[in-house]
């Protein structure tokens, strides 16, 4: 379950947001002021202008939500941000796996048919292109990756 931090000086709004987000499957923690939540991420502000939004994005914010807000749009923004977070984590894991297996190599050379399937299954979930080269008659033109075939 994902955790959402809510910071607002309005107790009723804090309560309402907490209820809304918890009903959508998030775990919420609410604070009444910034200093109380200094080390956490703030997702909403009463002072929403373009300058503030640009500054937040420069500091690493993924999105910027202002009050008043549309409930569905806010939940969609949170889900989109979390999906991007997971995709970045997955890319980093795949890169690390590839780096561990092929440090310093410019290209990946695999001589066994089974190894080809193994390596393709690692990169198959990504949008990376794979080039299979080989001598004429080795069957590369018939090679297709099927995740169900192992």
N, C-alpha and C. Protein backbone atom coordinates (compact mmCIF):
# COMPACT_ATOMS: atom_id res chain seq x y z
N UNK A 1 0.84 -1.18 0.00
CA UNK A 1 0.00 0.00 0.00
C UNK A 1 0.89 1.24 0.00
N UNK A 2 0.58 2.16 -0.89
CA UNK A 2 1.36 3.40 -0.99
C UNK A 2 0.97 4.38 0.10
N UNK A 3 1.94 5.15 0.55
CA UNK A 3 1.71 6.13 1.60
C UNK A 3 1.66 7.53 1.01
N UNK A 4 0.67 8.31 1.41
CA UNK A 4 0.50 9.68 0.95
C UNK A 4 0.57 10.61 2.16
N UNK A 5 1.32 11.68 2.02
CA UNK A 5 1.43 12.69 3.06
C UNK A 5 0.52 13.85 2.71
N UNK A 6 -0.29 14.28 3.67
CA UNK A 6 -1.19 15.42 3.48
C UNK A 6 -0.77 16.50 4.46
N UNK A 7 -0.55 17.71 3.93
CA UNK A 7 -0.19 18.84 4.79
C UNK A 7 -1.14 19.99 4.46
N UNK A 8 -1.92 20.39 5.45
CA UNK A 8 -2.82 21.53 5.27
C UNK A 8 -3.21 22.04 6.65
N UNK A 9 -3.35 23.35 6.76
CA UNK A 9 -3.72 23.93 8.04
C UNK A 9 -5.21 23.80 8.34
N UNK A 10 -6.00 23.41 7.35
CA UNK A 10 -7.43 23.26 7.52
C UNK A 10 -7.75 21.82 7.94
N UNK A 11 -8.21 21.66 9.17
CA UNK A 11 -8.45 20.33 9.73
C UNK A 11 -9.52 19.56 8.95
N UNK A 12 -10.56 20.25 8.51
CA UNK A 12 -11.63 19.59 7.76
C UNK A 12 -11.10 19.07 6.42
N UNK A 13 -10.30 19.89 5.74
CA UNK A 13 -9.73 19.46 4.47
C UNK A 13 -8.78 18.28 4.67
N UNK A 14 -7.97 18.32 5.73
CA UNK A 14 -7.08 17.19 6.02
C UNK A 14 -7.88 15.91 6.20
N UNK A 15 -8.95 16.01 6.96
CA UNK A 15 -9.80 14.84 7.22
C UNK A 15 -10.44 14.34 5.92
N UNK A 16 -10.99 15.25 5.13
CA UNK A 16 -11.66 14.90 3.87
C UNK A 16 -10.69 14.23 2.90
N UNK A 17 -9.51 14.83 2.74
CA UNK A 17 -8.50 14.24 1.86
C UNK A 17 -8.07 12.86 2.33
N UNK A 18 -7.87 12.73 3.62
CA UNK A 18 -7.46 11.44 4.19
C UNK A 18 -8.51 10.38 3.87
N UNK A 19 -9.77 10.70 4.10
CA UNK A 19 -10.85 9.76 3.82
C UNK A 19 -10.90 9.39 2.33
N UNK A 20 -10.84 10.40 1.47
CA UNK A 20 -10.90 10.18 0.02
C UNK A 20 -9.77 9.27 -0.45
N UNK A 21 -8.56 9.57 -0.03
CA UNK A 21 -7.40 8.79 -0.49
C UNK A 21 -7.38 7.39 0.12
N UNK A 22 -7.79 7.26 1.36
CA UNK A 22 -7.84 5.93 1.98
C UNK A 22 -8.89 5.05 1.30
N UNK A 23 -10.00 5.65 0.87
CA UNK A 23 -11.02 4.90 0.13
C UNK A 23 -10.49 4.45 -1.22
N UNK A 24 -9.49 5.15 -1.75
CA UNK A 24 -8.88 4.79 -3.03
C UNK A 24 -7.70 3.84 -2.86
N UNK A 25 -7.47 3.39 -1.63
CA UNK A 25 -6.45 2.38 -1.41
C UNK A 25 -5.09 2.88 -0.95
N UNK A 26 -4.99 4.13 -0.55
CA UNK A 26 -3.72 4.69 -0.08
C UNK A 26 -3.71 4.75 1.44
N UNK A 27 -2.51 4.72 1.99
CA UNK A 27 -2.33 4.93 3.42
C UNK A 27 -1.92 6.39 3.59
N UNK A 28 -2.62 7.12 4.45
CA UNK A 28 -2.38 8.56 4.57
C UNK A 28 -1.86 8.95 5.95
N UNK A 29 -1.02 9.97 5.95
CA UNK A 29 -0.58 10.62 7.17
C UNK A 29 -0.78 12.11 6.95
N UNK A 30 -1.45 12.75 7.91
CA UNK A 30 -1.78 14.17 7.75
C UNK A 30 -1.06 15.01 8.81
N UNK A 31 -0.59 16.20 8.38
CA UNK A 31 0.06 17.16 9.26
C UNK A 31 -0.60 18.52 9.06
N UNK A 32 -0.57 19.35 10.11
CA UNK A 32 -1.21 20.66 9.99
C UNK A 32 -0.28 21.75 9.47
N UNK A 33 1.05 21.48 9.41
CA UNK A 33 1.95 22.50 8.89
C UNK A 33 3.20 21.88 8.30
N UNK A 34 3.88 22.69 7.50
CA UNK A 34 5.09 22.23 6.82
C UNK A 34 6.19 21.76 7.74
N UNK A 35 6.52 22.53 8.78
CA UNK A 35 7.60 22.08 9.67
C UNK A 35 7.36 20.69 10.27
N UNK A 36 6.09 20.36 10.51
CA UNK A 36 5.77 19.03 11.06
C UNK A 36 6.08 17.92 10.07
N UNK A 37 6.05 18.26 8.79
CA UNK A 37 6.26 17.26 7.75
C UNK A 37 7.45 17.60 6.87
N UNK A 38 8.44 18.27 7.45
CA UNK A 38 9.57 18.81 6.70
C UNK A 38 10.28 17.78 5.83
N UNK A 39 10.43 16.58 6.34
CA UNK A 39 11.19 15.58 5.59
C UNK A 39 10.32 14.75 4.65
N UNK A 40 9.07 15.13 4.49
CA UNK A 40 8.15 14.38 3.65
C UNK A 40 7.80 15.17 2.39
N UNK A 41 7.12 14.54 1.48
CA UNK A 41 6.73 15.15 0.21
C UNK A 41 5.38 15.83 0.34
N UNK A 42 5.27 17.08 -0.08
CA UNK A 42 4.00 17.82 -0.01
C UNK A 42 3.37 17.83 -1.39
N UNK A 43 2.08 17.38 -1.50
CA UNK A 43 1.47 17.26 -2.82
C UNK A 43 0.45 18.35 -3.14
N UNK A 44 0.04 19.14 -2.18
CA UNK A 44 -1.00 20.14 -2.41
C UNK A 44 -0.60 21.47 -1.82
N UNK A 45 -0.99 22.57 -2.46
CA UNK A 45 -0.70 23.88 -1.91
C UNK A 45 -1.84 24.84 -2.20
N UNK A 46 -2.06 25.77 -1.30
CA UNK A 46 -3.10 26.78 -1.51
C UNK A 46 -2.57 27.90 -2.40
N UNK A 47 -1.27 27.93 -2.61
CA UNK A 47 -0.64 29.01 -3.38
C UNK A 47 -0.18 28.48 -4.73
N UNK A 48 -1.15 28.15 -5.57
CA UNK A 48 -0.82 27.54 -6.85
C UNK A 48 -0.71 28.55 -7.97
N UNK A 49 0.50 28.86 -8.35
CA UNK A 49 0.71 29.72 -9.51
C UNK A 49 1.79 29.08 -10.37
N UNK A 50 1.95 29.58 -11.57
CA UNK A 50 2.90 28.99 -12.51
C UNK A 50 4.32 29.04 -11.96
N UNK A 51 4.70 30.13 -11.35
CA UNK A 51 6.07 30.27 -10.81
C UNK A 51 6.34 29.18 -9.76
N UNK A 52 5.38 28.98 -8.86
CA UNK A 52 5.54 27.96 -7.82
C UNK A 52 5.61 26.56 -8.45
N UNK A 53 4.74 26.31 -9.43
CA UNK A 53 4.74 25.00 -10.09
C UNK A 53 6.07 24.73 -10.77
N UNK A 54 6.59 25.72 -11.47
CA UNK A 54 7.88 25.55 -12.16
C UNK A 54 8.99 25.29 -11.15
N UNK A 55 9.00 26.01 -10.05
CA UNK A 55 10.02 25.82 -9.02
C UNK A 55 9.93 24.42 -8.41
N UNK A 56 8.71 23.96 -8.16
CA UNK A 56 8.54 22.60 -7.62
C UNK A 56 9.07 21.55 -8.60
N UNK A 57 8.78 21.73 -9.88
CA UNK A 57 9.26 20.78 -10.89
C UNK A 57 10.79 20.80 -10.96
N UNK A 58 11.39 21.98 -10.85
CA UNK A 58 12.86 22.06 -10.85
C UNK A 58 13.45 21.33 -9.66
N UNK A 59 12.73 21.34 -8.53
CA UNK A 59 13.21 20.69 -7.32
C UNK A 59 12.92 19.19 -7.31
N UNK A 60 12.25 18.69 -8.37
CA UNK A 60 12.05 17.25 -8.47
C UNK A 60 10.62 16.77 -8.32
N UNK A 61 9.65 17.68 -8.16
CA UNK A 61 8.26 17.25 -8.06
C UNK A 61 7.82 16.66 -9.40
N UNK A 62 7.05 15.61 -9.34
CA UNK A 62 6.57 14.96 -10.56
C UNK A 62 5.34 15.67 -11.11
N UNK A 63 4.51 16.23 -10.23
CA UNK A 63 3.30 16.93 -10.65
C UNK A 63 2.96 17.98 -9.61
N UNK A 64 1.96 18.78 -9.90
CA UNK A 64 1.61 19.90 -9.04
C UNK A 64 0.09 20.02 -9.00
N UNK A 65 -0.49 19.91 -7.83
CA UNK A 65 -1.95 19.97 -7.68
C UNK A 65 -2.30 21.19 -6.83
N UNK A 66 -3.28 21.97 -7.29
CA UNK A 66 -3.68 23.16 -6.53
C UNK A 66 -5.11 23.01 -6.03
N UNK A 67 -5.45 23.78 -5.04
CA UNK A 67 -6.81 23.83 -4.52
C UNK A 67 -7.56 24.94 -5.25
N UNK A 68 -8.81 24.81 -5.53
CA UNK A 68 -9.62 23.58 -5.35
C UNK A 68 -9.22 22.53 -6.38
N UNK A 69 -9.41 21.27 -6.05
CA UNK A 69 -8.99 20.18 -6.92
C UNK A 69 -10.16 19.25 -7.21
N UNK A 70 -10.08 18.57 -8.33
CA UNK A 70 -11.05 17.55 -8.71
C UNK A 70 -10.58 16.22 -8.12
N UNK A 71 -11.43 15.56 -7.35
CA UNK A 71 -11.03 14.32 -6.67
C UNK A 71 -10.47 13.27 -7.63
N UNK A 72 -11.20 13.02 -8.72
CA UNK A 72 -10.75 11.99 -9.66
C UNK A 72 -9.43 12.36 -10.31
N UNK A 73 -9.28 13.63 -10.66
CA UNK A 73 -8.03 14.07 -11.29
C UNK A 73 -6.86 13.92 -10.32
N UNK A 74 -7.10 14.22 -9.05
CA UNK A 74 -6.03 14.10 -8.07
C UNK A 74 -5.60 12.64 -7.90
N UNK A 75 -6.57 11.74 -7.79
CA UNK A 75 -6.24 10.32 -7.63
C UNK A 75 -5.53 9.80 -8.87
N UNK A 76 -5.98 10.22 -10.06
CA UNK A 76 -5.32 9.80 -11.29
C UNK A 76 -3.88 10.32 -11.33
N UNK A 77 -3.66 11.55 -10.89
CA UNK A 77 -2.31 12.11 -10.86
C UNK A 77 -1.40 11.31 -9.93
N UNK A 78 -1.93 10.95 -8.77
CA UNK A 78 -1.15 10.16 -7.81
C UNK A 78 -0.81 8.80 -8.40
N UNK A 79 -1.79 8.14 -9.01
CA UNK A 79 -1.54 6.82 -9.60
C UNK A 79 -0.54 6.90 -10.74
N UNK A 80 -0.64 7.94 -11.56
CA UNK A 80 0.29 8.13 -12.68
C UNK A 80 1.71 8.34 -12.15
N UNK A 81 1.84 9.12 -11.09
CA UNK A 81 3.15 9.38 -10.49
C UNK A 81 3.74 8.10 -9.92
N UNK A 82 2.93 7.29 -9.26
CA UNK A 82 3.41 6.03 -8.70
C UNK A 82 3.81 5.05 -9.81
N UNK A 83 3.04 5.01 -10.89
CA UNK A 83 3.38 4.14 -12.02
C UNK A 83 4.74 4.52 -12.61
N UNK A 84 4.97 5.83 -12.75
CA UNK A 84 6.26 6.29 -13.27
C UNK A 84 7.39 5.90 -12.31
N UNK A 85 7.13 6.01 -11.03
CA UNK A 85 8.12 5.62 -10.02
C UNK A 85 8.49 4.15 -10.17
N UNK A 86 7.48 3.29 -10.33
CA UNK A 86 7.74 1.86 -10.47
C UNK A 86 8.47 1.55 -11.78
N UNK A 87 8.10 2.23 -12.85
CA UNK A 87 8.79 2.01 -14.13
C UNK A 87 10.26 2.39 -14.04
N UNK A 88 10.55 3.51 -13.38
CA UNK A 88 11.95 3.92 -13.21
C UNK A 88 12.71 2.89 -12.38
N UNK A 89 12.08 2.37 -11.34
CA UNK A 89 12.73 1.35 -10.51
C UNK A 89 13.01 0.10 -11.34
N UNK A 90 12.06 -0.30 -12.17
CA UNK A 90 12.23 -1.49 -12.99
C UNK A 90 13.36 -1.31 -14.00
N UNK A 91 13.42 -0.15 -14.62
CA UNK A 91 14.51 0.14 -15.56
C UNK A 91 15.85 0.07 -14.86
N UNK A 92 15.94 0.65 -13.67
CA UNK A 92 17.20 0.62 -12.91
C UNK A 92 17.59 -0.81 -12.55
N UNK A 93 16.63 -1.64 -12.19
CA UNK A 93 16.91 -3.04 -11.86
C UNK A 93 17.42 -3.78 -13.10
N UNK A 94 16.76 -3.57 -14.24
CA UNK A 94 17.18 -4.23 -15.47
C UNK A 94 18.57 -3.77 -15.90
N UNK A 95 18.83 -2.47 -15.80
CA UNK A 95 20.16 -1.97 -16.15
C UNK A 95 21.24 -2.57 -15.25
N UNK A 96 20.94 -2.63 -13.97
CA UNK A 96 21.90 -3.20 -13.02
C UNK A 96 22.17 -4.66 -13.34
N UNK A 97 21.11 -5.40 -13.67
CA UNK A 97 21.26 -6.81 -14.02
C UNK A 97 22.14 -6.97 -15.26
N UNK A 98 21.87 -6.15 -16.26
CA UNK A 98 22.68 -6.21 -17.48
C UNK A 98 24.12 -5.81 -17.21
N UNK A 99 24.31 -4.75 -16.41
CA UNK A 99 25.67 -4.31 -16.08
C UNK A 99 26.44 -5.39 -15.33
N UNK A 100 25.78 -6.06 -14.41
CA UNK A 100 26.45 -7.12 -13.64
C UNK A 100 26.88 -8.27 -14.54
N UNK A 101 26.05 -8.58 -15.52
CA UNK A 101 26.34 -9.72 -16.40
C UNK A 101 27.32 -9.38 -17.52
N UNK A 102 27.35 -8.11 -17.95
CA UNK A 102 28.13 -7.76 -19.13
C UNK A 102 28.94 -6.48 -18.94
N UNK A 103 29.66 -6.38 -17.85
CA UNK A 103 30.48 -5.20 -17.57
C UNK A 103 31.50 -4.97 -18.66
N UNK A 104 31.52 -3.76 -19.18
CA UNK A 104 32.54 -3.36 -20.13
C UNK A 104 32.38 -3.88 -21.54
N UNK A 105 31.41 -4.74 -21.77
CA UNK A 105 31.24 -5.28 -23.12
C UNK A 105 30.44 -4.31 -23.97
N UNK A 106 30.84 -4.15 -25.22
CA UNK A 106 30.13 -3.26 -26.14
C UNK A 106 28.89 -3.94 -26.69
N UNK A 107 28.94 -5.25 -26.82
CA UNK A 107 27.80 -5.99 -27.34
C UNK A 107 27.69 -7.30 -26.59
N UNK A 108 26.56 -7.89 -26.71
CA UNK A 108 26.27 -9.14 -26.02
C UNK A 108 26.43 -10.28 -27.02
N UNK A 109 27.34 -11.19 -26.75
CA UNK A 109 27.56 -12.33 -27.64
C UNK A 109 27.12 -13.58 -26.91
N UNK A 110 26.15 -14.27 -27.49
CA UNK A 110 25.64 -15.49 -26.88
C UNK A 110 25.77 -16.61 -27.91
N UNK A 111 26.32 -17.72 -27.48
CA UNK A 111 26.56 -18.81 -28.42
C UNK A 111 25.54 -19.94 -28.27
N UNK A 112 24.77 -19.96 -27.21
CA UNK A 112 23.83 -21.06 -27.01
C UNK A 112 22.39 -20.57 -27.19
N UNK A 113 21.59 -21.42 -27.82
CA UNK A 113 20.19 -21.09 -28.09
C UNK A 113 19.43 -20.82 -26.78
N UNK A 114 19.69 -21.62 -25.75
CA UNK A 114 19.02 -21.45 -24.46
C UNK A 114 19.37 -20.10 -23.83
N UNK A 115 20.64 -19.70 -23.96
CA UNK A 115 21.08 -18.42 -23.41
C UNK A 115 20.38 -17.25 -24.12
N UNK A 116 20.13 -17.40 -25.41
CA UNK A 116 19.42 -16.35 -26.15
C UNK A 116 18.05 -16.14 -25.52
N UNK A 117 17.31 -17.24 -25.30
CA UNK A 117 16.00 -17.13 -24.68
C UNK A 117 16.09 -16.50 -23.30
N UNK A 118 17.08 -16.90 -22.53
CA UNK A 118 17.26 -16.36 -21.17
C UNK A 118 17.48 -14.84 -21.21
N UNK A 119 18.37 -14.39 -22.08
CA UNK A 119 18.69 -12.96 -22.16
C UNK A 119 17.53 -12.15 -22.75
N UNK A 120 16.86 -12.71 -23.74
CA UNK A 120 15.72 -12.00 -24.34
C UNK A 120 14.62 -11.85 -23.30
N UNK A 121 14.42 -12.84 -22.45
CA UNK A 121 13.37 -12.74 -21.43
C UNK A 121 13.66 -11.62 -20.43
N UNK A 122 14.93 -11.28 -20.23
CA UNK A 122 15.29 -10.18 -19.34
C UNK A 122 14.89 -8.84 -19.93
N UNK A 123 15.12 -8.67 -21.23
CA UNK A 123 14.83 -7.37 -21.87
C UNK A 123 13.46 -7.32 -22.52
N UNK A 124 12.76 -8.44 -22.60
CA UNK A 124 11.45 -8.48 -23.27
C UNK A 124 10.45 -7.49 -22.68
N UNK A 125 10.39 -7.29 -21.36
CA UNK A 125 9.41 -6.33 -20.84
C UNK A 125 9.73 -4.86 -21.17
N UNK A 126 10.91 -4.60 -21.68
CA UNK A 126 11.30 -3.22 -21.99
C UNK A 126 11.04 -2.93 -23.46
N UNK A 127 11.34 -1.71 -23.87
CA UNK A 127 11.18 -1.32 -25.27
C UNK A 127 12.51 -1.38 -26.03
N UNK A 128 13.48 -2.07 -25.47
CA UNK A 128 14.77 -2.20 -26.13
C UNK A 128 14.66 -3.07 -27.37
N UNK A 129 15.41 -2.72 -28.39
CA UNK A 129 15.47 -3.54 -29.61
C UNK A 129 16.59 -4.57 -29.44
N UNK A 130 16.38 -5.72 -30.05
CA UNK A 130 17.37 -6.78 -29.97
C UNK A 130 17.74 -7.19 -31.39
N UNK A 131 19.04 -7.24 -31.67
CA UNK A 131 19.53 -7.67 -32.98
C UNK A 131 20.19 -9.02 -32.80
N UNK A 132 19.71 -9.99 -33.57
CA UNK A 132 20.31 -11.32 -33.53
C UNK A 132 21.06 -11.52 -34.84
N UNK A 133 22.38 -11.74 -34.72
CA UNK A 133 23.24 -11.94 -35.89
C UNK A 133 23.80 -13.34 -35.87
N UNK A 134 24.17 -13.82 -37.04
CA UNK A 134 24.80 -15.13 -37.08
C UNK A 134 25.06 -15.56 -38.50
N UNK A 135 25.77 -16.67 -38.61
CA UNK A 135 26.09 -17.25 -39.91
C UNK A 135 24.80 -17.61 -40.64
N UNK A 136 24.89 -17.63 -41.94
CA UNK A 136 23.77 -18.06 -42.77
C UNK A 136 23.44 -19.51 -42.43
N UNK A 137 22.15 -19.79 -42.27
CA UNK A 137 21.73 -21.17 -41.99
C UNK A 137 21.65 -21.52 -40.53
N UNK A 138 21.90 -20.58 -39.63
CA UNK A 138 21.86 -20.89 -38.20
C UNK A 138 20.45 -20.80 -37.62
N UNK A 139 19.47 -20.34 -38.40
CA UNK A 139 18.09 -20.31 -37.92
C UNK A 139 17.64 -19.00 -37.33
N UNK A 140 18.46 -17.96 -37.46
CA UNK A 140 18.09 -16.68 -36.85
C UNK A 140 16.84 -16.08 -37.47
N UNK A 141 16.57 -16.36 -38.76
CA UNK A 141 15.38 -15.81 -39.40
C UNK A 141 14.10 -16.43 -38.85
N UNK A 142 14.21 -17.61 -38.26
CA UNK A 142 13.05 -18.30 -37.68
C UNK A 142 12.90 -18.01 -36.19
N UNK A 143 13.84 -17.27 -35.63
CA UNK A 143 13.83 -17.03 -34.19
C UNK A 143 12.76 -16.00 -33.82
N UNK A 144 11.87 -16.41 -32.92
CA UNK A 144 10.89 -15.48 -32.36
C UNK A 144 10.82 -15.78 -30.88
N UNK A 145 10.73 -14.73 -30.10
CA UNK A 145 10.65 -14.93 -28.66
C UNK A 145 9.20 -15.12 -28.26
N UNK A 146 8.92 -16.20 -27.58
CA UNK A 146 7.60 -16.46 -27.03
C UNK A 146 7.79 -16.66 -25.53
N UNK A 147 7.25 -15.74 -24.70
CA UNK A 147 7.47 -15.85 -23.25
C UNK A 147 6.93 -17.15 -22.65
N UNK A 148 6.01 -17.82 -23.35
CA UNK A 148 5.47 -19.07 -22.83
C UNK A 148 6.38 -20.25 -23.14
N UNK A 149 7.26 -20.08 -24.16
CA UNK A 149 8.19 -21.15 -24.52
C UNK A 149 9.44 -21.05 -23.68
N UNK A 150 9.78 -22.11 -23.01
CA UNK A 150 10.98 -22.10 -22.18
C UNK A 150 11.75 -23.37 -22.38
